[in-house]
Amino acid sequence: MPVGTPHRHFRSVGSTNEVARRLAAAGAVDGTVVTSEEQTAGRGRQGRPWSTPAGSALAWSLLLRRRVEVPGTLPLQTGVAVCEAIESFGVGPAEVKWPNDVWLRGKKCAGILVEARPQDGWAVVGIGLNISIPEEGFPEELRSRAISIGNGANVANATAALNRSVEKRLEADIEETLTELAGRDALKGRPIRWGGPGAGDSATAVAGTDSGGSGVAAGIDGSGNLLVDTADGIVSLNAGEVHLDVRG
């Protein structure tokens, strides 16, 4: 499946995921990619705004004609692909912060949003990638937590890098990709917390409790769930958001 054939590019658009969803409804083919140099109404996880400044970041969305269940492994396969695309510019190592972020030097460089319509047999994979936003170009509250690739990255060559790396990871054996992911797990071995008062959005526990908790991240299983070693045993989180626990 060639990723990026066809390719629809915009100077500015509300949301590349929205455009890709409309194209899906209109019968666009598997592998269609929508990109934009500026995104004015993009969304990240939990419906948060995701801004893409003109010319210094990339909004990239891929239409897949296949049945995709969310949550699942697709965001993590995509995360590994984004790491490889970033590292092709001579920077890194890049890491995946479960479930939807990619970090470079401990700061967020990219976010991933997968929107699936299993009943219609398609999904859209959206990536927001910081290319050349200077530190002072980020909102003040994000400057300590956000970073760009730099190193000669631009909209054109970042698009080509994502096309190549995502195609490679979607065609690779899932076990191979999960092995690669294990070496790029930004959380493994680190204290984390989820849910509860003041902790942001709750994660959903497969085992244990969904009312909030803390523990040490213990890896990611074959279904894409985050494993956490807690005082009550291993808890498996299958969705939501976790935070590094820096309290105390």
Protein backbone atom coordinates (compact mmCIF):
# COMPACT_ATOMS: atom_id res chain seq x y z
CA MET A 1 0.00 0.00 0.00
CA PRO A 2 1.77 3.18 -1.17
CA VAL A 3 1.35 5.95 1.41
CA GLY A 4 0.97 9.37 -0.18
CA THR A 5 -0.65 8.34 -3.45
CA PRO A 6 -2.67 10.44 -3.97
CA HIS A 7 -1.52 13.45 -1.95
CA ARG A 8 -3.65 16.53 -1.25
CA HIS A 9 -1.70 19.53 0.08
CA PHE A 10 -3.03 22.82 1.45
CA ARG A 11 -1.31 26.01 2.53
CA SER A 12 -3.92 26.37 5.26
CA VAL A 13 -6.83 24.20 6.36
CA GLY A 14 -9.08 23.82 9.36
CA SER A 15 -8.12 20.20 10.06
CA THR A 16 -6.38 17.67 7.83
CA ASN A 17 -8.17 14.85 9.68
CA GLU A 18 -11.50 16.47 8.84
CA VAL A 19 -10.53 16.72 5.17
CA ALA A 20 -9.41 13.07 5.18
CA ARG A 21 -12.72 12.00 6.75
CA ARG A 22 -14.65 13.84 4.03
CA LEU A 23 -12.49 12.20 1.36
CA ALA A 24 -13.15 8.81 2.94
CA ALA A 25 -16.90 9.40 2.76
CA ALA A 26 -16.50 10.41 -0.89
CA GLY A 27 -14.67 7.18 -1.78
CA ALA A 28 -10.99 8.21 -1.66
CA VAL A 29 -8.55 5.32 -1.92
CA ASP A 30 -6.40 3.65 0.72
CA GLY A 31 -3.11 5.51 1.21
CA THR A 32 -4.48 9.00 0.49
CA VAL A 33 -2.51 11.61 2.44
CA VAL A 34 -3.69 15.13 3.30
CA THR A 35 -1.11 17.69 4.47
CA SER A 36 -1.11 21.34 5.39
CA GLU A 37 1.47 23.95 6.36
CA GLU A 38 -1.05 25.60 8.66
CA GLN A 39 -3.94 24.11 10.60
CA THR A 40 -6.45 26.47 12.17
CA ALA A 41 -8.94 24.09 13.81
CA GLY A 42 -6.93 20.96 14.53
CA ARG A 43 -7.66 18.74 17.52
CA GLY A 44 -5.46 16.60 19.67
CA ARG A 45 -6.54 13.97 22.15
CA GLN A 46 -9.54 14.70 24.39
CA GLY A 47 -10.63 17.33 21.84
CA ARG A 48 -7.86 19.77 22.78
CA PRO A 49 -6.84 22.36 20.16
CA TRP A 50 -3.72 21.49 18.16
CA SER A 51 -2.31 24.56 16.41
CA THR A 52 0.01 24.26 13.42
CA PRO A 53 1.82 27.57 12.76
CA ALA A 54 2.25 28.47 9.11
CA GLY A 55 5.34 26.92 7.52
CA SER A 56 7.00 25.75 10.74
CA ALA A 57 4.94 22.64 11.54
CA LEU A 58 3.22 19.92 9.55
CA ALA A 59 -0.31 18.53 9.80
CA TRP A 60 -0.36 15.10 8.11
CA SER A 61 -3.36 12.74 7.82
CA LEU A 62 -3.55 9.30 6.21
CA LEU A 63 -6.69 7.47 5.08
CA LEU A 64 -6.61 3.72 5.68
CA ARG A 65 -9.22 1.47 4.07
CA ARG A 66 -9.24 -1.20 6.74
CA ARG A 67 -11.11 -2.08 9.89
CA VAL A 68 -9.32 -0.50 12.85
CA GLU A 69 -10.34 -0.81 16.48
CA VAL A 70 -9.38 2.04 18.82
CA PRO A 71 -7.71 1.75 21.25
CA GLY A 72 -5.28 -0.69 19.68
CA THR A 73 -1.79 -0.86 18.27
CA LEU A 74 -2.17 1.58 15.34
CA PRO A 75 -1.24 4.73 17.36
CA LEU A 76 1.86 2.92 18.64
CA GLN A 77 2.86 1.61 15.20
CA THR A 78 2.50 5.19 14.00
CA GLY A 79 4.53 6.43 16.96
CA VAL A 80 7.47 4.21 16.04
CA ALA A 81 7.21 5.45 12.45
CA VAL A 82 7.27 9.08 13.60
CA CYS A 83 10.37 8.37 15.69
CA GLU A 84 12.11 6.93 12.65
CA ALA A 85 11.07 9.89 10.49
CA ILE A 86 12.41 12.36 13.06
CA GLU A 87 15.69 10.48 13.40
CA SER A 88 16.19 10.55 9.62
CA PHE A 89 17.12 14.22 10.09
CA GLY A 90 20.09 13.31 12.26
CA VAL A 91 18.47 14.07 15.61
CA GLY A 92 17.38 11.75 18.34
CA PRO A 93 16.82 9.33 19.79
CA ALA A 94 13.07 9.88 19.67
CA GLU A 95 10.73 8.07 22.05
CA VAL A 96 7.04 7.13 22.21
CA LYS A 97 5.14 8.41 25.24
CA TRP A 98 2.10 6.12 25.54
CA PRO A 99 -0.36 6.37 24.00
CA ASN A 100 -0.14 9.20 21.45
CA ASP A 101 2.92 11.42 21.82
CA VAL A 102 6.45 11.39 20.45
CA TRP A 103 9.24 12.93 22.49
CA LEU A 104 12.60 14.30 21.43
CA ARG A 105 15.10 15.09 24.20
CA GLY A 106 12.31 14.70 26.76
CA LYS A 107 9.96 17.18 25.08
CA LYS A 108 6.93 16.68 22.86
CA CYS A 109 7.76 16.88 19.16
CA ALA A 110 4.66 15.22 17.69
CA GLY A 111 1.15 14.12 18.57
CA ILE A 112 -0.94 11.37 17.00
CA LEU A 113 -4.72 11.15 16.68
CA VAL A 114 -6.39 8.04 15.21
CA GLU A 115 -10.08 8.32 14.31
CA ALA A 116 -11.72 5.09 13.18
CA ARG A 117 -15.05 4.12 11.63
CA PRO A 118 -14.92 0.32 11.94
CA GLN A 119 -18.51 0.03 10.68
CA ASP A 120 -17.44 1.69 7.41
CA GLY A 121 -14.06 -0.02 7.15
CA TRP A 122 -11.78 3.00 7.32
CA ALA A 123 -9.63 5.00 9.72
CA VAL A 124 -7.74 8.28 9.61
CA VAL A 125 -4.28 8.59 11.19
CA GLY A 126 -3.41 12.20 12.01
CA ILE A 127 0.06 13.46 12.95
CA GLY A 128 0.98 16.94 14.11
CA LEU A 129 4.74 17.42 13.83
CA ASN A 130 6.79 20.41 15.01
CA ILE A 131 9.34 21.08 12.28
CA SER A 132 11.07 24.42 12.84
CA ILE A 133 9.20 26.33 15.53
CA PRO A 134 11.81 28.18 17.62
CA GLU A 135 11.55 27.93 21.40
CA GLU A 136 10.16 31.46 21.61
CA GLY A 137 7.53 30.53 19.00
CA PHE A 138 5.74 28.19 21.39
CA PRO A 139 3.21 29.56 23.89
CA GLU A 140 5.02 30.40 27.12
CA GLU A 141 3.35 27.58 29.03
CA LEU A 142 4.66 25.03 26.49
CA ARG A 143 8.25 26.17 26.08
CA SER A 144 9.62 23.76 28.66
CA ARG A 145 7.64 20.85 27.17
CA ALA A 146 7.68 21.30 23.37
CA ILE A 147 10.42 21.00 20.77
CA SER A 148 10.91 20.99 16.99
CA ILE A 149 13.03 18.75 14.76
CA GLY A 150 15.16 21.53 13.26
CA ASN A 151 18.27 20.30 11.43
CA GLY A 152 17.00 21.22 7.97
CA ALA A 153 13.53 19.73 8.29
CA ASN A 154 10.82 21.43 6.23
CA VAL A 155 7.28 20.66 5.15
CA ALA A 156 8.32 18.84 1.97
CA ASN A 157 11.07 16.61 3.35
CA ALA A 158 9.16 15.90 6.58
CA THR A 159 6.16 14.78 4.51
CA ALA A 160 8.36 12.45 2.48
CA ALA A 161 9.95 11.06 5.64
CA LEU A 162 6.56 10.35 7.24
CA ASN A 163 5.24 8.73 4.07
CA ARG A 164 8.21 6.35 3.96
CA SER A 165 8.33 5.48 7.64
CA VAL A 166 4.58 5.02 8.13
CA GLU A 167 4.35 2.79 5.05
CA LYS A 168 7.25 0.71 6.36
CA ARG A 169 5.68 0.26 9.82
CA LEU A 170 2.21 -0.56 8.50
CA GLU A 171 3.70 -3.29 6.32
CA ALA A 172 6.04 -4.65 9.02
CA ASP A 173 5.15 -7.57 11.25
CA ILE A 174 3.45 -6.20 14.38
CA GLU A 175 5.77 -8.18 16.66
CA GLU A 176 8.80 -6.56 15.03
CA THR A 177 7.31 -3.12 15.57
CA LEU A 178 6.38 -3.88 19.19
CA THR A 179 9.97 -4.98 19.80
CA GLU A 180 11.17 -1.70 18.33
CA LEU A 181 8.63 0.13 20.48
CA ALA A 182 9.97 -1.50 23.64
CA GLY A 183 13.31 0.20 23.03
CA ARG A 184 11.59 3.55 22.55
CA ASP A 185 9.19 3.45 25.50
CA ALA A 186 9.59 6.86 27.18
CA LEU A 187 7.71 5.78 30.31
CA LYS A 188 9.15 2.35 31.13
CA GLY A 189 10.71 2.26 34.57
CA ARG A 190 9.42 5.70 35.49
CA PRO A 191 6.85 6.59 38.18
CA ILE A 192 3.51 7.60 36.66
CA ARG A 193 0.01 8.47 37.81
CA TRP A 194 -3.41 8.64 36.19
CA GLY A 195 -6.87 9.89 37.04
CA GLY A 196 -7.90 11.20 40.41
CA PRO A 197 -8.14 14.83 41.55
CA GLY A 198 -5.75 17.14 39.77
CA ALA A 199 -4.29 14.42 37.58
CA GLY A 200 -5.96 15.45 34.33
CA ASP A 201 -7.83 12.93 32.21
CA SER A 202 -8.31 9.45 33.61
CA ALA A 203 -6.91 6.36 32.00
CA THR A 204 -9.15 3.33 31.64
CA ALA A 205 -7.94 0.25 33.46
CA VAL A 206 -8.40 -3.22 32.00
CA ALA A 207 -7.56 -4.67 35.39
CA GLY A 208 -7.51 -2.83 38.70
CA THR A 209 -9.31 0.46 39.08
CA ASP A 210 -10.36 3.29 36.80
CA SER A 211 -10.60 5.81 39.64
CA GLY A 212 -6.97 6.82 39.48
CA GLY A 213 -3.73 5.35 40.66
CA SER A 214 0.03 5.41 40.47
CA GLY A 215 2.89 3.03 39.96
CA VAL A 216 5.90 2.34 37.78
CA ALA A 217 5.44 1.91 34.03
CA ALA A 218 6.37 -1.67 33.15
CA GLY A 219 6.11 -1.72 29.35
CA ILE A 220 3.48 -2.11 26.65
CA ASP A 221 1.78 -5.41 25.84
CA GLY A 222 0.90 -6.94 22.47
CA SER A 223 -2.51 -5.25 22.41
CA GLY A 224 -1.08 -1.78 22.96
CA ASN A 225 -2.00 -1.54 26.65
CA LEU A 226 0.30 0.18 29.12
CA LEU A 227 1.38 -2.09 31.99
CA VAL A 228 1.87 -0.46 35.38
CA ASP A 229 3.44 -2.07 38.43
CA THR A 230 1.39 -0.88 41.40
CA ALA A 231 1.25 -1.73 45.09
CA ASP A 232 -1.69 -4.03 44.24
CA GLY A 233 -0.01 -5.77 41.32
CA ILE A 234 0.16 -5.18 37.57
CA VAL A 235 -2.55 -2.92 36.13
CA SER A 236 -3.20 -2.78 32.38
CA LEU A 237 -4.35 0.58 30.99
CA ASN A 238 -5.98 0.55 27.58
CA ALA A 239 -6.86 4.19 27.00
CA GLY A 240 -6.62 7.66 28.44
CA GLU A 241 -3.73 9.74 29.65
CA VAL A 242 -0.94 9.22 32.14
CA HIS A 243 1.50 11.67 33.66
CA LEU A 244 5.00 11.37 35.02
CA ASP A 245 4.71 11.39 38.80
CA VAL A 246 7.08 14.07 40.06
CA ARG A 247 5.39 14.63 43.39
CA GLY A 248 7.24 14.42 46.62
